Structure formats: C-alpha cells, structure tokens
C-alpha cells in the first residue's frame, strides 16, 4: 500500500513538473555535503567504517540528499503553491521510503555485525 502511494506521488509530481515544462536541476550544495558528512560520521562512530565503506556510505547519503532536493524543488514549483501542512503530509512517505532504501543500501555495504550495531542505535 505504501509503495503504491509513493509511486503515485512520484507520478503526480512528475506529471505536474512535465506539464509545466520546468526542469529540475540539482547541484550539490555545501549544505548537502554537511548533511552527508554528519550522517557518515555518525555511522562511522557507531560501526567503525573502513575507508572503502566510508566512500560507499557517502555515495548513498549523497544520493538521498539529491533526491530529497529534487522532490523539494518540484514541490516549490507546484501550482498553486503547496501549504506547509500539505508539504509535510506529502513528505512523510518520502522520508519513510528513503529511510528504507538507505537501510537496504547500507545492508550491502556494512558487515552483519556493523549492521546490527547501526540498527540498535538507529531505532
């Protein structure tokens, strides 16, 4: 059910964006990089990442930041403008989706022991 809702939300956003003929160009901002570094540092502190894992984790977190920036940019372009409450309602499933996706990606990078430590801390 949640996956269907998320898919429909993405389709609606894409339809609105394409109907308005507006392109969303996302560039990596210093703010995005700060979030990536903070999240990676927290994971490293918890699980003692290797250098290779650190690089892979940063890529995962950067992809999430880019996607969230794209979603927010599309919301910013919506006509009529979305209210704060509507935006929060629309973003809740997005956050849940990206949390699940991130944990799935991390499960392929971290060892079983590291993943167990991270799961315990990330409740």
PDB file of N, CA and C in Angstrom:
ATOM      1  N   UNK A   1       0.817  -1.189   0.000  1.00  0.00           N
ATOM      2  CA  UNK A   1       0.000   0.000   0.000  1.00  0.00           C
ATOM      3  C   UNK A   1       0.867   1.262   0.000  1.00  0.00           C
ATOM      4  N   UNK A   2       1.865   1.279   0.878  1.00  0.00           N
ATOM      5  CA  UNK A   2       2.748   2.447   0.956  1.00  0.00           C
ATOM      6  C   UNK A   2       3.541   2.613  -0.326  1.00  0.00           C
ATOM      7  N   UNK A   3       4.001   1.499  -0.882  1.00  0.00           N
ATOM      8  CA  UNK A   3       4.768   1.564  -2.130  1.00  0.00           C
ATOM      9  C   UNK A   3       3.895   2.135  -3.254  1.00  0.00           C
ATOM     10  N   UNK A   4       2.639   1.728  -3.293  1.00  0.00           N
ATOM     11  CA  UNK A   4       1.719   2.239  -4.309  1.00  0.00           C
ATOM     12  C   UNK A   4       1.526   3.737  -4.145  1.00  0.00           C
ATOM     13  N   UNK A   5       1.340   4.182  -2.910  1.00  0.00           N
ATOM     14  CA  UNK A   5       1.160   5.602  -2.652  1.00  0.00           C
ATOM     15  C   UNK A   5       2.394   6.401  -3.066  1.00  0.00           C
ATOM     16  N   UNK A   6       3.553   5.879  -2.739  1.00  0.00           N
ATOM     17  CA  UNK A   6       4.801   6.566  -3.099  1.00  0.00           C
ATOM     18  C   UNK A   6       4.935   6.655  -4.609  1.00  0.00           C
ATOM     19  N   UNK A   7       4.629   5.558  -5.298  1.00  0.00           N
ATOM     20  CA  UNK A   7       4.701   5.551  -6.755  1.00  0.00           C
ATOM     21  C   UNK A   7       3.750   6.582  -7.341  1.00  0.00           C
ATOM     22  N   UNK A   8       2.530   6.608  -6.835  1.00  0.00           N
ATOM     23  CA  UNK A   8       1.547   7.578  -7.318  1.00  0.00           C
ATOM     24  C   UNK A   8       1.982   9.010  -7.036  1.00  0.00           C
ATOM     25  N   UNK A   9       2.576   9.225  -5.875  1.00  0.00           N
ATOM     26  CA  UNK A   9       3.051  10.563  -5.543  1.00  0.00           C
ATOM     27  C   UNK A   9       4.149  11.003  -6.501  1.00  0.00           C
ATOM     28  N   UNK A  10       5.081  10.102  -6.792  1.00  0.00           N
ATOM     29  CA  UNK A  10       6.148  10.435  -7.742  1.00  0.00           C
ATOM     30  C   UNK A  10       5.576  10.707  -9.125  1.00  0.00           C
ATOM     31  N   UNK A  11       4.603   9.900  -9.537  1.00  0.00           N
ATOM     32  CA  UNK A  11       3.988  10.101 -10.851  1.00  0.00           C
ATOM     33  C   UNK A  11       3.266  11.448 -10.913  1.00  0.00           C
ATOM     34  N   UNK A  12       2.579  11.795  -9.836  1.00  0.00           N
ATOM     35  CA  UNK A  12       1.884  13.075  -9.797  1.00  0.00           C
ATOM     36  C   UNK A  12       2.865  14.238  -9.868  1.00  0.00           C
ATOM     37  N   UNK A  13       3.943  14.118  -9.119  1.00  0.00           N
ATOM     38  CA  UNK A  13       4.959  15.175  -9.137  1.00  0.00           C
ATOM     39  C   UNK A  13       5.573  15.288 -10.530  1.00  0.00           C
ATOM     40  N   UNK A  14       5.883  14.152 -11.135  1.00  0.00           N
ATOM     41  CA  UNK A  14       6.464  14.166 -12.482  1.00  0.00           C
ATOM     42  C   UNK A  14       5.492  14.747 -13.488  1.00  0.00           C
ATOM     43  N   UNK A  15       4.227  14.411 -13.352  1.00  0.00           N
ATOM     44  CA  UNK A  15       3.224  14.934 -14.279  1.00  0.00           C
ATOM     45  C   UNK A  15       3.100  16.447 -14.155  1.00  0.00           C
ATOM     46  N   UNK A  16       3.077  16.923 -12.928  1.00  0.00           N
ATOM     47  CA  UNK A  16       2.990  18.369 -12.706  1.00  0.00           C
ATOM     48  C   UNK A  16       4.224  19.064 -13.272  1.00  0.00           C
ATOM     49  N   UNK A  17       5.377  18.503 -13.002  1.00  0.00           N
ATOM     50  CA  UNK A  17       6.627  19.116 -13.476  1.00  0.00           C
ATOM     51  C   UNK A  17       6.697  19.113 -14.994  1.00  0.00           C
ATOM     52  N   UNK A  18       6.315  18.007 -15.630  1.00  0.00           N
ATOM     53  CA  UNK A  18       6.405  17.951 -17.092  1.00  0.00           C
ATOM     54  C   UNK A  18       5.322  18.802 -17.742  1.00  0.00           C
ATOM     55  N   UNK A  19       4.155  18.877 -17.128  1.00  0.00           N
ATOM     56  CA  UNK A  19       3.082  19.702 -17.681  1.00  0.00           C
ATOM     57  C   UNK A  19       3.459  21.171 -17.652  1.00  0.00           C
ATOM     58  N   UNK A  20       4.250  21.539 -16.684  1.00  0.00           N
ATOM     59  CA  UNK A  20       4.674  22.925 -16.574  1.00  0.00           C
ATOM     60  C   UNK A  20       5.948  23.188 -17.370  1.00  0.00           C
ATOM     61  N   UNK A  21       6.499  22.129 -17.969  1.00  0.00           N
ATOM     62  CA  UNK A  21       7.706  22.230 -18.779  1.00  0.00           C
ATOM     63  C   UNK A  21       8.841  22.898 -18.020  1.00  0.00           C
ATOM     64  N   UNK A  22       9.034  22.477 -16.797  1.00  0.00           N
ATOM     65  CA  UNK A  22      10.120  23.006 -15.977  1.00  0.00           C
ATOM     66  C   UNK A  22      11.084  21.883 -15.664  1.00  0.00           C
ATOM     67  N   UNK A  23      12.321  22.169 -15.781  1.00  0.00           N
ATOM     68  CA  UNK A  23      13.365  21.212 -15.455  1.00  0.00           C
ATOM     69  C   UNK A  23      13.842  21.464 -14.034  1.00  0.00           C
ATOM     70  N   UNK A  24      14.135  20.380 -13.345  1.00  0.00           N
ATOM     71  CA  UNK A  24      14.708  20.472 -12.007  1.00  0.00           C
ATOM     72  C   UNK A  24      16.170  20.083 -12.132  1.00  0.00           C
ATOM     73  N   UNK A  25      17.025  21.036 -11.922  1.00  0.00           N
ATOM     74  CA  UNK A  25      18.461  20.783 -11.961  1.00  0.00           C
ATOM     75  C   UNK A  25      18.998  20.861 -10.541  1.00  0.00           C
ATOM     76  N   UNK A  26      19.515  19.745 -10.083  1.00  0.00           N
ATOM     77  CA  UNK A  26      20.028  19.680  -8.724  1.00  0.00           C
ATOM     78  C   UNK A  26      21.546  19.742  -8.763  1.00  0.00           C
ATOM     79  N   UNK A  27      22.086  20.654  -7.998  1.00  0.00           N
ATOM     80  CA  UNK A  27      23.535  20.729  -7.844  1.00  0.00           C
ATOM     81  C   UNK A  27      23.865  20.455  -6.381  1.00  0.00           C
ATOM     82  N   UNK A  28      24.981  19.832  -6.169  1.00  0.00           N
ATOM     83  CA  UNK A  28      25.412  19.533  -4.807  1.00  0.00           C
ATOM     84  C   UNK A  28      25.789  20.835  -4.116  1.00  0.00           C
ATOM     85  N   UNK A  29      25.132  21.091  -3.011  1.00  0.00           N
ATOM     86  CA  UNK A  29      25.388  22.318  -2.265  1.00  0.00           C
ATOM     87  C   UNK A  29      26.254  22.014  -1.044  1.00  0.00           C
ATOM     88  N   UNK A  30      26.890  23.023  -0.507  1.00  0.00           N
ATOM     89  CA  UNK A  30      27.662  22.815   0.726  1.00  0.00           C
ATOM     90  C   UNK A  30      26.783  22.263   1.853  1.00  0.00           C
ATOM     91  N   UNK A  31      25.529  22.719   1.902  1.00  0.00           N
ATOM     92  CA  UNK A  31      24.616  22.229   2.946  1.00  0.00           C
ATOM     93  C   UNK A  31      24.373  20.732   2.797  1.00  0.00           C
ATOM     94  N   UNK A  32      24.217  20.274   1.551  1.00  0.00           N
ATOM     95  CA  UNK A  32      24.023  18.846   1.304  1.00  0.00           C
ATOM     96  C   UNK A  32      25.247  18.064   1.761  1.00  0.00           C
ATOM     97  N   UNK A  33      26.413  18.583   1.462  1.00  0.00           N
ATOM     98  CA  UNK A  33      27.644  17.891   1.827  1.00  0.00           C
ATOM     99  C   UNK A  33      27.830  17.841   3.348  1.00  0.00           C
ATOM    100  N   UNK A  34      27.385  18.886   4.044  1.00  0.00           N
ATOM    101  CA  UNK A  34      27.465  18.885   5.508  1.00  0.00           C
ATOM    102  C   UNK A  34      26.589  17.769   6.070  1.00  0.00           C
ATOM    103  N   UNK A  35      25.379  17.608   5.520  1.00  0.00           N
ATOM    104  CA  UNK A  35      24.478  16.547   5.978  1.00  0.00           C
ATOM    105  C   UNK A  35      25.103  15.180   5.707  1.00  0.00           C
ATOM    106  N   UNK A  36      25.671  15.009   4.522  1.00  0.00           N
ATOM    107  CA  UNK A  36      26.312  13.737   4.169  1.00  0.00           C
ATOM    108  C   UNK A  36      27.454  13.440   5.137  1.00  0.00           C
ATOM    109  N   UNK A  37      28.274  14.421   5.404  1.00  0.00           N
ATOM    110  CA  UNK A  37      29.408  14.229   6.317  1.00  0.00           C
ATOM    111  C   UNK A  37      28.941  13.898   7.727  1.00  0.00           C
ATOM    112  N   UNK A  38      27.907  14.591   8.201  1.00  0.00           N
ATOM    113  CA  UNK A  38      27.396  14.330   9.559  1.00  0.00           C
ATOM    114  C   UNK A  38      26.842  12.914   9.665  1.00  0.00           C
ATOM    115  N   UNK A  39      26.047  12.516   8.673  1.00  0.00           N
ATOM    116  CA  UNK A  39      25.461  11.173   8.714  1.00  0.00           C
ATOM    117  C   UNK A  39      26.538  10.098   8.622  1.00  0.00           C
ATOM    118  N   UNK A  40      27.520  10.331   7.766  1.00  0.00           N
ATOM    119  CA  UNK A  40      28.610   9.365   7.625  1.00  0.00           C
ATOM    120  C   UNK A  40      29.424   9.291   8.907  1.00  0.00           C
ATOM    121  N   UNK A  41      29.691  10.436   9.526  1.00  0.00           N
ATOM    122  CA  UNK A  41      30.459  10.455  10.773  1.00  0.00           C
ATOM    123  C   UNK A  41      29.720   9.705  11.883  1.00  0.00           C
ATOM    124  N   UNK A  42      28.413   9.872  11.956  1.00  0.00           N
ATOM    125  CA  UNK A  42      27.639   9.158  12.971  1.00  0.00           C
ATOM    126  C   UNK A  42      27.700   7.654  12.738  1.00  0.00           C
ATOM    127  N   UNK A  43      27.555   7.250  11.489  1.00  0.00           N
ATOM    128  CA  UNK A  43      27.634   5.826  11.161  1.00  0.00           C
ATOM    129  C   UNK A  43      29.033   5.290  11.452  1.00  0.00           C
ATOM    130  N   UNK A  44      30.056   6.062  11.115  1.00  0.00           N
ATOM    131  CA  UNK A  44      31.437   5.643  11.368  1.00  0.00           C
ATOM    132  C   UNK A  44      31.698   5.518  12.866  1.00  0.00           C
ATOM    133  N   UNK A  45      31.206   6.467  13.636  1.00  0.00           N
ATOM    134  CA  UNK A  45      31.394   6.428  15.090  1.00  0.00           C
ATOM    135  C   UNK A  45      30.734   5.189  15.686  1.00  0.00           C
ATOM    136  N   UNK A  46      29.608   4.807  15.128  1.00  0.00           N
ATOM    137  CA  UNK A  46      28.853   3.662  15.639  1.00  0.00           C
ATOM    138  C   UNK A  46      29.442   2.335  15.185  1.00  0.00           C
ATOM    139  N   UNK A  47      29.918   2.273  13.933  1.00  0.00           N
ATOM    140  CA  UNK A  47      30.295   0.981  13.343  1.00  0.00           C
ATOM    141  C   UNK A  47      31.752   0.852  12.952  1.00  0.00           C
ATOM    142  N   UNK A  48      32.546   1.906  13.077  1.00  0.00           N
ATOM    143  CA  UNK A  48      33.965   1.875  12.712  1.00  0.00           C
ATOM    144  C   UNK A  48      34.139   1.445  11.250  1.00  0.00           C
ATOM    145  N   UNK A  49      33.737   2.330  10.342  1.00  0.00           N
ATOM    146  CA  UNK A  49      33.795   2.048   8.908  1.00  0.00           C
ATOM    147  C   UNK A  49      35.230   1.970   8.400  1.00  0.00           C
ATOM    148  N   UNK A  50      35.424   1.155   7.368  1.00  0.00           N
ATOM    149  CA  UNK A  50      36.695   1.155   6.656  1.00  0.00           C
ATOM    150  C   UNK A  50      36.685   2.337   5.687  1.00  0.00           C
ATOM    151  N   UNK A  51      37.829   2.638   5.090  1.00  0.00           N
ATOM    152  CA  UNK A  51      37.905   3.742   4.121  1.00  0.00           C
ATOM    153  C   UNK A  51      36.991   3.476   2.924  1.00  0.00           C
ATOM    154  N   UNK A  52      36.968   2.249   2.446  1.00  0.00           N
ATOM    155  CA  UNK A  52      36.113   1.900   1.306  1.00  0.00           C
ATOM    156  C   UNK A  52      34.636   2.031   1.678  1.00  0.00           C
ATOM    157  N   UNK A  53      34.281   1.562   2.868  1.00  0.00           N
ATOM    158  CA  UNK A  53      32.894   1.684   3.319  1.00  0.00           C
ATOM    159  C   UNK A  53      32.492   3.149   3.456  1.00  0.00           C
ATOM    160  N   UNK A  54      33.409   3.976   3.963  1.00  0.00           N
ATOM    161  CA  UNK A  54      33.122   5.395   4.125  1.00  0.00           C
ATOM    162  C   UNK A  54      32.771   6.026   2.785  1.00  0.00           C
ATOM    163  N   UNK A  55      33.530   5.719   1.761  1.00  0.00           N
ATOM    164  CA  UNK A  55      33.265   6.244   0.422  1.00  0.00           C
ATOM    165  C   UNK A  55      31.900   5.787  -0.074  1.00  0.00           C
ATOM    166  N   UNK A  56      31.585   4.512   0.102  1.00  0.00           N
ATOM    167  CA  UNK A  56      30.307   3.966  -0.354  1.00  0.00           C
ATOM    168  C   UNK A  56      29.136   4.576   0.416  1.00  0.00           C
ATOM    169  N   UNK A  57      29.300   4.744   1.710  1.00  0.00           N
ATOM    170  CA  UNK A  57      28.240   5.322   2.536  1.00  0.00           C
ATOM    171  C   UNK A  57      27.983   6.768   2.125  1.00  0.00           C
ATOM    172  N   UNK A  58      29.041   7.520   1.873  1.00  0.00           N
ATOM    173  CA  UNK A  58      28.874   8.906   1.427  1.00  0.00           C
ATOM    174  C   UNK A  58      28.090   8.957   0.124  1.00  0.00           C
ATOM    175  N   UNK A  59      28.354   8.037  -0.789  1.00  0.00           N
ATOM    176  CA  UNK A  59      27.614   7.995  -2.055  1.00  0.00           C
ATOM    177  C   UNK A  59      26.129   7.742  -1.815  1.00  0.00           C
ATOM    178  N   UNK A  60      25.826   6.840  -0.895  1.00  0.00           N
ATOM    179  CA  UNK A  60      24.427   6.542  -0.566  1.00  0.00           C
ATOM    180  C   UNK A  60      23.739   7.781  -0.009  1.00  0.00           C
ATOM    181  N   UNK A  61      24.358   8.399   0.982  1.00  0.00           N
ATOM    182  CA  UNK A  61      23.753   9.571   1.608  1.00  0.00           C
ATOM    183  C   UNK A  61      23.651  10.743   0.627  1.00  0.00           C
ATOM    184  N   UNK A  62      24.610  10.895  -0.263  1.00  0.00           N
ATOM    185  CA  UNK A  62      24.545  11.966  -1.244  1.00  0.00           C
ATOM    186  C   UNK A  62      23.392  11.736  -2.225  1.00  0.00           C
ATOM    187  N   UNK A  63      23.172  10.496  -2.609  1.00  0.00           N
ATOM    188  CA  UNK A  63      22.047  10.196  -3.495  1.00  0.00           C
ATOM    189  C   UNK A  63      20.728  10.556  -2.821  1.00  0.00           C
ATOM    190  N   UNK A  64      20.606  10.234  -1.541  1.00  0.00           N
ATOM    191  CA  UNK A  64      19.389  10.589  -0.801  1.00  0.00           C
ATOM    192  C   UNK A  64      19.215  12.099  -0.775  1.00  0.00           C
ATOM    193  N   UNK A  65      20.266  12.830  -0.481  1.00  0.00           N
ATOM    194  CA  UNK A  65      20.179  14.294  -0.437  1.00  0.00           C
ATOM    195  C   UNK A  65      19.774  14.871  -1.786  1.00  0.00           C
ATOM    196  N   UNK A  66      20.319  14.322  -2.854  1.00  0.00           N
ATOM    197  CA  UNK A  66      19.952  14.793  -4.194  1.00  0.00           C
ATOM    198  C   UNK A  66      18.474  14.534  -4.485  1.00  0.00           C
ATOM    199  N   UNK A  67      18.002  13.353  -4.139  1.00  0.00           N
ATOM    200  CA  UNK A  67      16.599  13.019  -4.388  1.00  0.00           C
ATOM    201  C   UNK A  67      15.665  13.905  -3.554  1.00  0.00           C
ATOM    202  N   UNK A  68      16.015  14.119  -2.312  1.00  0.00           N
ATOM    203  CA  UNK A  68      15.178  14.966  -1.468  1.00  0.00           C
ATOM    204  C   UNK A  68      15.175  16.409  -1.980  1.00  0.00           C
ATOM    205  N   UNK A  69      16.310  16.886  -2.463  1.00  0.00           N
ATOM    206  CA  UNK A  69      16.371  18.230  -3.034  1.00  0.00           C
ATOM    207  C   UNK A  69      15.497  18.320  -4.286  1.00  0.00           C
ATOM    208  N   UNK A  70      15.502  17.270  -5.098  1.00  0.00           N
ATOM    209  CA  UNK A  70      14.669  17.253  -6.305  1.00  0.00           C
ATOM    210  C   UNK A  70      13.190  17.269  -5.940  1.00  0.00           C
ATOM    211  N   UNK A  71      12.816  16.490  -4.957  1.00  0.00           N
ATOM    212  CA  UNK A  71      11.407  16.461  -4.523  1.00  0.00           C
ATOM    213  C   UNK A  71      10.998  17.832  -3.997  1.00  0.00           C
ATOM    214  N   UNK A  72      11.837  18.421  -3.163  1.00  0.00           N
ATOM    215  CA  UNK A  72      11.520  19.750  -2.631  1.00  0.00           C
ATOM    216  C   UNK A  72      11.447  20.796  -3.730  1.00  0.00           C
ATOM    217  N   UNK A  73      12.318  20.705  -4.731  1.00  0.00           N
ATOM    218  CA  UNK A  73      12.278  21.646  -5.845  1.00  0.00           C
ATOM    219  C   UNK A  73      10.976  21.501  -6.626  1.00  0.00           C
ATOM    220  N   UNK A  74      10.532  20.272  -6.816  1.00  0.00           N
ATOM    221  CA  UNK A  74       9.261  20.055  -7.518  1.00  0.00           C
ATOM    222  C   UNK A  74       8.096  20.602  -6.701  1.00  0.00           C
ATOM    223  N   UNK A  75       8.146  20.409  -5.409  1.00  0.00           N
ATOM    224  CA  UNK A  75       7.097  20.978  -4.554  1.00  0.00           C
ATOM    225  C   UNK A  75       7.112  22.502  -4.654  1.00  0.00           C
ATOM    226  N   UNK A  76       8.301  23.087  -4.708  1.00  0.00           N
ATOM    227  CA  UNK A  76       8.413  24.546  -4.808  1.00  0.00           C
ATOM    228  C   UNK A  76       7.798  25.070  -6.103  1.00  0.00           C
ATOM    229  N   UNK A  77       7.808  24.251  -7.151  1.00  0.00           N
ATOM    230  CA  UNK A  77       7.275  24.672  -8.450  1.00  0.00           C
ATOM    231  C   UNK A  77       5.782  24.403  -8.600  1.00  0.00           C
ATOM    232  N   UNK A  78       5.169  23.771  -7.630  1.00  0.00           N
ATOM    233  CA  UNK A  78       3.766  23.385  -7.776  1.00  0.00           C
ATOM    234  C   UNK A  78       2.865  24.610  -7.878  1.00  0.00           C
ATOM    235  N   UNK A  79       1.851  24.452  -8.679  1.00  0.00           N
ATOM    236  CA  UNK A  79       0.833  25.498  -8.848  1.00  0.00           C
ATOM    237  C   UNK A  79      -0.498  24.896  -8.490  1.00  0.00           C
ATOM    238  N   UNK A  80      -1.239  25.419  -7.583  1.00  0.00           N
ATOM    239  CA  UNK A  80      -0.886  26.514  -6.683  1.00  0.00           C
ATOM    240  C   UNK A  80       0.170  26.057  -5.682  1.00  0.00           C
ATOM    241  N   UNK A  81       0.859  27.007  -5.078  1.00  0.00           N
ATOM    242  CA  UNK A  81       1.906  26.632  -4.107  1.00  0.00           C
ATOM    243  C   UNK A  81       1.335  25.763  -2.985  1.00  0.00           C
ATOM    244  N   UNK A  82       2.135  24.797  -2.571  1.00  0.00           N
ATOM    245  CA  UNK A  82       1.697  23.891  -1.510  1.00  0.00           C
ATOM    246  C   UNK A  82       1.806  24.578  -0.158  1.00  0.00           C
ATOM    247  N   UNK A  83       0.825  24.313   0.681  1.00  0.00           N
ATOM    248  CA  UNK A  83       0.891  24.823   2.051  1.00  0.00           C
ATOM    249  C   UNK A  83       1.924  24.006   2.821  1.00  0.00           C
ATOM    250  N   UNK A  84       2.347  24.533   3.931  1.00  0.00           N
ATOM    251  CA  UNK A  84       3.324  23.824   4.768  1.00  0.00           C
ATOM    252  C   UNK A  84       2.762  22.482   5.227  1.00  0.00           C
ATOM    253  N   UNK A  85       1.492  22.460   5.586  1.00  0.00           N
ATOM    254  CA  UNK A  85       0.853  21.229   6.051  1.00  0.00           C
ATOM    255  C   UNK A  85       0.790  20.188   4.933  1.00  0.00           C
ATOM    256  N   UNK A  86       0.430  20.636   3.720  1.00  0.00           N
ATOM    257  CA  UNK A  86       0.380  19.710   2.581  1.00  0.00           C
ATOM    258  C   UNK A  86       1.755  19.154   2.264  1.00  0.00           C
ATOM    259  N   UNK A  87       2.748  20.007   2.328  1.00  0.00           N
ATOM    260  CA  UNK A  87       4.120  19.572   2.058  1.00  0.00           C
ATOM    261  C   UNK A  87       4.557  18.529   3.083  1.00  0.00           C
ATOM    262  N   UNK A  88       4.267  18.778   4.358  1.00  0.00           N
ATOM    263  CA  UNK A  88       4.630  17.820   5.403  1.00  0.00           C
ATOM    264  C   UNK A  88       3.916  16.489   5.194  1.00  0.00           C
ATOM    265  N   UNK A  89       2.648  16.546   4.796  1.00  0.00           N
ATOM    266  CA  UNK A  89       1.885  15.327   4.534  1.00  0.00           C
ATOM    267  C   UNK A  89       2.482  14.557   3.360  1.00  0.00           C
ATOM    268  N   UNK A  90       2.865  15.261   2.314  1.00  0.00           N
ATOM    269  CA  UNK A  90       3.453  14.625   1.136  1.00  0.00           C
ATOM    270  C   UNK A  90       4.853  14.077   1.424  1.00  0.00           C
ATOM    271  N   UNK A  91       5.590  14.734   2.303  1.00  0.00           N
ATOM    272  CA  UNK A  91       6.971  14.329   2.562  1.00  0.00           C
ATOM    273  C   UNK A  91       7.078  13.128   3.489  1.00  0.00           C
ATOM    274  N   UNK A  92       6.092  12.902   4.345  1.00  0.00           N
ATOM    275  CA  UNK A  92       6.185  11.799   5.300  1.00  0.00           C
ATOM    276  C   UNK A  92       6.463  10.462   4.602  1.00  0.00           C
ATOM    277  N   UNK A  93       5.695  10.085   3.564  1.00  0.00           N
ATOM    278  CA  UNK A  93       6.018   8.814   2.902  1.00  0.00           C
ATOM    279  C   UNK A  93       7.364   8.853   2.174  1.00  0.00           C
ATOM    280  N   UNK A  94       7.785  10.037   1.744  1.00  0.00           N
ATOM    281  CA  UNK A  94       9.087  10.155   1.093  1.00  0.00           C
ATOM    282  C   UNK A  94      10.200   9.833   2.087  1.00  0.00           C
ATOM    283  N   UNK A  95      10.102  10.388   3.288  1.00  0.00           N
ATOM    284  CA  UNK A  95      11.100  10.113   4.322  1.00  0.00           C
ATOM    285  C   UNK A  95      11.139   8.622   4.655  1.00  0.00           C
ATOM    286  N   UNK A  96       9.966   8.024   4.789  1.00  0.00           N
ATOM    287  CA  UNK A  96       9.889   6.602   5.105  1.00  0.00           C
ATOM    288  C   UNK A  96      10.521   5.768   3.989  1.00  0.00           C
ATOM    289  N   UNK A  97      10.210   6.130   2.747  1.00  0.00           N
ATOM    290  CA  UNK A  97      10.776   5.408   1.604  1.00  0.00           C
ATOM    291  C   UNK A  97      12.291   5.505   1.603  1.00  0.00           C
ATOM    292  N   UNK A  98      12.832   6.710   1.767  1.00  0.00           N
ATOM    293  CA  UNK A  98      14.279   6.886   1.694  1.00  0.00           C
ATOM    294  C   UNK A  98      14.993   6.290   2.907  1.00  0.00           C
ATOM    295  N   UNK A  99      14.322   6.229   4.047  1.00  0.00           N
ATOM    296  CA  UNK A  99      14.904   5.531   5.196  1.00  0.00           C
ATOM    297  C   UNK A  99      15.050   4.043   4.896  1.00  0.00           C
ATOM    298  N   UNK A 100      13.985   3.449   4.335  1.00  0.00           N
ATOM    299  CA  UNK A 100      14.048   2.022   3.983  1.00  0.00           C
ATOM    300  C   UNK A 100      15.108   1.793   2.912  1.00  0.00           C
ATOM    301  N   UNK A 101      15.152   2.650   1.895  1.00  0.00           N
ATOM    302  CA  UNK A 101      16.118   2.496   0.814  1.00  0.00           C
ATOM    303  C   UNK A 101      17.543   2.610   1.353  1.00  0.00           C
ATOM    304  N   UNK A 102      17.769   3.594   2.216  1.00  0.00           N
ATOM    305  CA  UNK A 102      19.102   3.790   2.787  1.00  0.00           C
ATOM    306  C   UNK A 102      19.533   2.575   3.584  1.00  0.00           C
ATOM    307  N   UNK A 103      18.638   2.064   4.420  1.00  0.00           N
ATOM    308  CA  UNK A 103      18.984   0.881   5.210  1.00  0.00           C
ATOM    309  C   UNK A 103      19.255  -0.321   4.312  1.00  0.00           C
ATOM    310  N   UNK A 104      18.511  -0.444   3.231  1.00  0.00           N
ATOM    311  CA  UNK A 104      18.768  -1.529   2.283  1.00  0.00           C
ATOM    312  C   UNK A 104      20.162  -1.379   1.665  1.00  0.00           C
ATOM    313  N   UNK A 105      20.506  -0.176   1.250  1.00  0.00           N
ATOM    314  CA  UNK A 105      21.821   0.065   0.661  1.00  0.00           C
ATOM    315  C   UNK A 105      22.935  -0.182   1.677  1.00  0.00           C
ATOM    316  N   UNK A 106      22.719   0.272   2.899  1.00  0.00           N
ATOM    317  CA  UNK A 106      23.728   0.066   3.939  1.00  0.00           C
ATOM    318  C   UNK A 106      23.923  -1.417   4.240  1.00  0.00           C
ATOM    319  N   UNK A 107      22.864  -2.202   4.119  1.00  0.00           N
ATOM    320  CA  UNK A 107      22.980  -3.639   4.391  1.00  0.00           C
ATOM    321  C   UNK A 107      23.909  -4.327   3.392  1.00  0.00           C
ATOM    322  N   UNK A 108      24.106  -3.715   2.223  1.00  0.00           N
ATOM    323  CA  UNK A 108      25.025  -4.264   1.227  1.00  0.00           C
ATOM    324  C   UNK A 108      26.462  -3.770   1.432  1.00  0.00           C
ATOM    325  N   UNK A 109      26.624  -2.729   2.236  1.00  0.00           N
ATOM    326  CA  UNK A 109      27.947  -2.135   2.475  1.00  0.00           C
ATOM    327  C   UNK A 109      28.529  -2.606   3.804  1.00  0.00           C
ATOM    328  N   UNK A 110      27.705  -2.618   4.830  1.00  0.00           N
ATOM    329  CA  UNK A 110      28.169  -2.953   6.174  1.00  0.00           C
ATOM    330  C   UNK A 110      28.209  -4.463   6.383  1.00  0.00           C
ATOM    331  N   UNK A 111      29.059  -4.879   7.303  1.00  0.00           N
ATOM    332  CA  UNK A 111      29.065  -6.287   7.704  1.00  0.00           C
ATOM    333  C   UNK A 111      27.822  -6.538   8.556  1.00  0.00           C
ATOM    334  N   UNK A 112      27.519  -7.793   8.813  1.00  0.00           N
ATOM    335  CA  UNK A 112      26.352  -8.136   9.629  1.00  0.00           C
ATOM    336  C   UNK A 112      26.474  -7.528  11.028  1.00  0.00           C
ATOM    337  N   UNK A 113      27.676  -7.573  11.584  1.00  0.00           N
ATOM    338  CA  UNK A 113      27.889  -7.015  12.920  1.00  0.00           C
ATOM    339  C   UNK A 113      27.702  -5.499  12.922  1.00  0.00           C
ATOM    340  N   UNK A 114      28.247  -4.848  11.914  1.00  0.00           N
ATOM    341  CA  UNK A 114      28.090  -3.399  11.807  1.00  0.00           C
ATOM    342  C   UNK A 114      26.614  -3.025  11.635  1.00  0.00           C
ATOM    343  N   UNK A 115      25.914  -3.795  10.810  1.00  0.00           N
ATOM    344  CA  UNK A 115      24.502  -3.506  10.568  1.00  0.00           C
ATOM    345  C   UNK A 115      23.693  -3.683  11.849  1.00  0.00           C
ATOM    346  N   UNK A 116      24.027  -4.691  12.641  1.00  0.00           N
ATOM    347  CA  UNK A 116      23.330  -4.913  13.913  1.00  0.00           C
ATOM    348  C   UNK A 116      23.572  -3.740  14.860  1.00  0.00           C
ATOM    349  N   UNK A 117      24.813  -3.243  14.928  1.00  0.00           N
ATOM    350  CA  UNK A 117      25.122  -2.088  15.778  1.00  0.00           C
ATOM    351  C   UNK A 117      24.337  -0.863  15.310  1.00  0.00           C
ATOM    352  N   UNK A 118      24.329  -0.653  13.998  1.00  0.00           N
ATOM    353  CA  UNK A 118      23.633   0.512  13.441  1.00  0.00           C
ATOM    354  C   UNK A 118      22.122   0.413  13.689  1.00  0.00           C
ATOM    355  N   UNK A 119      21.563  -0.772  13.534  1.00  0.00           N
ATOM    356  CA  UNK A 119      20.135  -0.963  13.763  1.00  0.00           C
ATOM    357  C   UNK A 119      19.779  -0.680  15.221  1.00  0.00           C
ATOM    358  N   UNK A 120      20.653  -1.079  16.135  1.00  0.00           N
ATOM    359  CA  UNK A 120      20.388  -0.841  17.553  1.00  0.00           C
ATOM    360  C   UNK A 120      20.391   0.638  17.890  1.00  0.00           C
ATOM    361  N   UNK A 121      21.282   1.394  17.278  1.00  0.00           N
ATOM    362  CA  UNK A 121      21.396   2.818  17.541  1.00  0.00           C
ATOM    363  C   UNK A 121      20.333   3.611  16.778  1.00  0.00           C
ATOM    364  N   UNK A 122      19.953   3.138  15.617  1.00  0.00           N
ATOM    365  CA  UNK A 122      19.092   3.884  14.691  1.00  0.00           C
ATOM    366  C   UNK A 122      17.612   3.574  14.881  1.00  0.00           C
ATOM    367  N   UNK A 123      17.212   3.156  16.061  1.00  0.00           N
ATOM    368  CA  UNK A 123      15.792   2.831  16.315  1.00  0.00           C
ATOM    369  C   UNK A 123      14.955   4.067  16.357  1.00  0.00           C
TER     370      UNK A 123
END
